[in-house]
Amino acid sequence: MIRYGPMISAIANARIFDGECVIDSRSIVLEGTWISGLGGPIPDGATVLDAAGGTQRSY
């Protein structure tokens, strides 16, 4: 498959800390360096990192 444009990546099974509370297991979809989805499905062909047991902190 040839893909043009930014790389699509996903972090699966991540707890997300937004500075005030923790949101349980969700997916984070990235297009290049931008977050393009939170908690939705992971696109076909995305590079997936399983973050089970990890917490993503927002800045």
N, C-alpha and C. Protein backbone atom coordinates (compact mmCIF):
# COMPACT_ATOMS: atom_id res chain seq x y z
N MET A 1 0.85 -1.18 0.00
CA MET A 1 0.00 0.00 0.00
C MET A 1 0.89 1.24 0.00
N ILE A 2 0.65 2.14 -0.90
CA ILE A 2 1.36 3.41 -0.94
C ILE A 2 0.48 4.46 -0.29
N ARG A 3 1.03 5.14 0.68
CA ARG A 3 0.27 6.16 1.39
C ARG A 3 0.93 7.51 1.16
N TYR A 4 0.14 8.49 0.84
CA TYR A 4 0.63 9.85 0.67
C TYR A 4 0.08 10.70 1.80
N GLY A 5 0.84 11.65 2.26
CA GLY A 5 0.41 12.49 3.36
C GLY A 5 1.02 12.02 4.66
N PRO A 6 0.55 12.52 5.79
CA PRO A 6 1.16 12.19 7.07
C PRO A 6 0.95 10.73 7.46
N MET A 7 1.89 10.20 8.21
CA MET A 7 1.80 8.83 8.73
C MET A 7 0.65 8.76 9.73
N ILE A 8 -0.12 7.68 9.67
CA ILE A 8 -1.21 7.46 10.62
C ILE A 8 -0.72 6.48 11.67
N SER A 9 -0.80 6.89 12.92
CA SER A 9 -0.37 6.05 14.05
C SER A 9 -1.49 6.05 15.08
N ALA A 10 -1.47 5.05 15.94
CA ALA A 10 -2.46 5.00 17.02
C ALA A 10 -1.82 4.45 18.27
N ILE A 11 -2.22 5.00 19.39
CA ILE A 11 -1.83 4.47 20.69
C ILE A 11 -3.10 3.83 21.25
N ALA A 12 -3.06 2.52 21.44
CA ALA A 12 -4.24 1.78 21.88
C ALA A 12 -4.15 1.48 23.38
N ASN A 13 -5.30 1.39 24.02
CA ASN A 13 -5.41 0.98 25.43
C ASN A 13 -4.71 1.93 26.39
N ALA A 14 -4.68 3.21 26.07
CA ALA A 14 -4.01 4.19 26.92
C ALA A 14 -4.99 4.85 27.88
N ARG A 15 -4.57 5.01 29.12
CA ARG A 15 -5.30 5.88 30.03
C ARG A 15 -4.81 7.29 29.71
N ILE A 16 -5.70 8.24 29.75
CA ILE A 16 -5.35 9.61 29.38
C ILE A 16 -5.56 10.52 30.59
N PHE A 17 -4.51 11.24 30.97
CA PHE A 17 -4.59 12.20 32.08
C PHE A 17 -4.62 13.59 31.48
N ASP A 18 -5.70 14.33 31.73
CA ASP A 18 -5.86 15.66 31.12
C ASP A 18 -5.45 16.80 32.04
N GLY A 19 -4.81 16.48 33.14
CA GLY A 19 -4.40 17.50 34.10
C GLY A 19 -5.30 17.56 35.31
N GLU A 20 -6.51 16.99 35.18
CA GLU A 20 -7.46 16.98 36.29
C GLU A 20 -7.98 15.59 36.61
N CYS A 21 -8.20 14.79 35.59
CA CYS A 21 -8.72 13.45 35.83
C CYS A 21 -8.14 12.46 34.82
N VAL A 22 -8.31 11.17 35.13
CA VAL A 22 -7.83 10.10 34.25
C VAL A 22 -9.02 9.49 33.53
N ILE A 23 -8.91 9.38 32.21
CA ILE A 23 -9.92 8.74 31.38
C ILE A 23 -9.41 7.33 31.10
N ASP A 24 -10.21 6.31 31.42
CA ASP A 24 -9.76 4.93 31.23
C ASP A 24 -9.57 4.58 29.76
N SER A 25 -8.95 3.45 29.57
CA SER A 25 -8.54 2.89 28.27
C SER A 25 -9.24 3.44 27.05
N ARG A 26 -8.48 4.15 26.25
CA ARG A 26 -8.96 4.73 25.00
C ARG A 26 -7.88 4.59 23.95
N SER A 27 -8.26 4.91 22.73
CA SER A 27 -7.27 4.97 21.66
C SER A 27 -7.03 6.44 21.31
N ILE A 28 -5.81 6.72 20.88
CA ILE A 28 -5.43 8.05 20.43
C ILE A 28 -4.92 7.88 19.00
N VAL A 29 -5.52 8.56 18.05
CA VAL A 29 -5.10 8.44 16.65
C VAL A 29 -4.31 9.70 16.28
N LEU A 30 -3.16 9.49 15.67
CA LEU A 30 -2.27 10.58 15.28
C LEU A 30 -2.10 10.61 13.76
N GLU A 31 -2.17 11.79 13.20
CA GLU A 31 -1.83 11.99 11.78
C GLU A 31 -0.60 12.87 11.78
N GLY A 32 0.55 12.28 11.49
CA GLY A 32 1.80 13.01 11.64
C GLY A 32 2.00 13.31 13.11
N THR A 33 2.10 14.57 13.47
CA THR A 33 2.29 14.97 14.87
C THR A 33 1.02 15.51 15.51
N TRP A 34 -0.10 15.44 14.79
CA TRP A 34 -1.38 15.98 15.28
C TRP A 34 -2.31 14.88 15.77
N ILE A 35 -2.98 15.10 16.89
CA ILE A 35 -4.01 14.17 17.37
C ILE A 35 -5.25 14.39 16.52
N SER A 36 -5.71 13.34 15.85
CA SER A 36 -6.88 13.46 14.98
C SER A 36 -8.09 12.71 15.51
N GLY A 37 -7.90 11.89 16.54
CA GLY A 37 -9.03 11.16 17.09
C GLY A 37 -8.73 10.70 18.50
N LEU A 38 -9.76 10.63 19.31
CA LEU A 38 -9.62 10.22 20.69
C LEU A 38 -10.79 9.31 21.05
N GLY A 39 -10.50 8.07 21.38
CA GLY A 39 -11.53 7.15 21.83
C GLY A 39 -12.30 6.45 20.74
N GLY A 40 -12.04 6.76 19.48
CA GLY A 40 -12.76 6.13 18.37
C GLY A 40 -12.02 4.94 17.80
N PRO A 41 -12.47 4.48 16.65
CA PRO A 41 -11.83 3.32 16.03
C PRO A 41 -10.44 3.67 15.49
N ILE A 42 -9.59 2.67 15.41
CA ILE A 42 -8.25 2.83 14.85
C ILE A 42 -8.35 2.56 13.35
N PRO A 43 -7.87 3.49 12.52
CA PRO A 43 -7.98 3.32 11.07
C PRO A 43 -7.19 2.11 10.56
N ASP A 44 -7.70 1.47 9.51
CA ASP A 44 -6.97 0.38 8.87
C ASP A 44 -5.62 0.89 8.39
N GLY A 45 -4.58 0.08 8.56
CA GLY A 45 -3.26 0.44 8.08
C GLY A 45 -2.45 1.31 9.02
N ALA A 46 -3.04 1.71 10.16
CA ALA A 46 -2.31 2.55 11.11
C ALA A 46 -1.24 1.72 11.82
N THR A 47 -0.13 2.35 12.14
CA THR A 47 0.88 1.74 13.00
C THR A 47 0.37 1.85 14.43
N VAL A 48 0.29 0.71 15.13
CA VAL A 48 -0.35 0.69 16.45
C VAL A 48 0.66 0.38 17.55
N LEU A 49 0.64 1.19 18.60
CA LEU A 49 1.43 0.97 19.80
C LEU A 49 0.45 0.62 20.91
N ASP A 50 0.64 -0.56 21.53
CA ASP A 50 -0.24 -0.96 22.63
C ASP A 50 0.31 -0.38 23.94
N ALA A 51 -0.43 0.51 24.55
CA ALA A 51 0.00 1.18 25.78
C ALA A 51 -0.67 0.61 27.01
N ALA A 52 -1.10 -0.65 26.95
CA ALA A 52 -1.79 -1.26 28.09
C ALA A 52 -0.98 -1.06 29.35
N GLY A 53 -1.62 -0.52 30.37
CA GLY A 53 -0.95 -0.26 31.65
C GLY A 53 -0.26 1.09 31.70
N GLY A 54 -0.24 1.82 30.59
CA GLY A 54 0.43 3.12 30.55
C GLY A 54 -0.57 4.27 30.62
N THR A 55 -0.05 5.45 30.93
CA THR A 55 -0.88 6.65 30.99
C THR A 55 -0.27 7.72 30.10
N GLN A 56 -1.09 8.31 29.24
CA GLN A 56 -0.66 9.42 28.38
C GLN A 56 -1.05 10.71 29.08
N ARG A 57 -0.10 11.60 29.23
CA ARG A 57 -0.36 12.88 29.89
C ARG A 57 -0.42 13.98 28.83
N SER A 58 -1.43 14.82 28.90
CA SER A 58 -1.52 15.93 27.97
C SER A 58 -0.79 17.14 28.54
N TYR A 59 -0.31 17.98 27.68
CA TYR A 59 0.41 19.19 28.10
C TYR A 59 -0.28 20.42 27.66
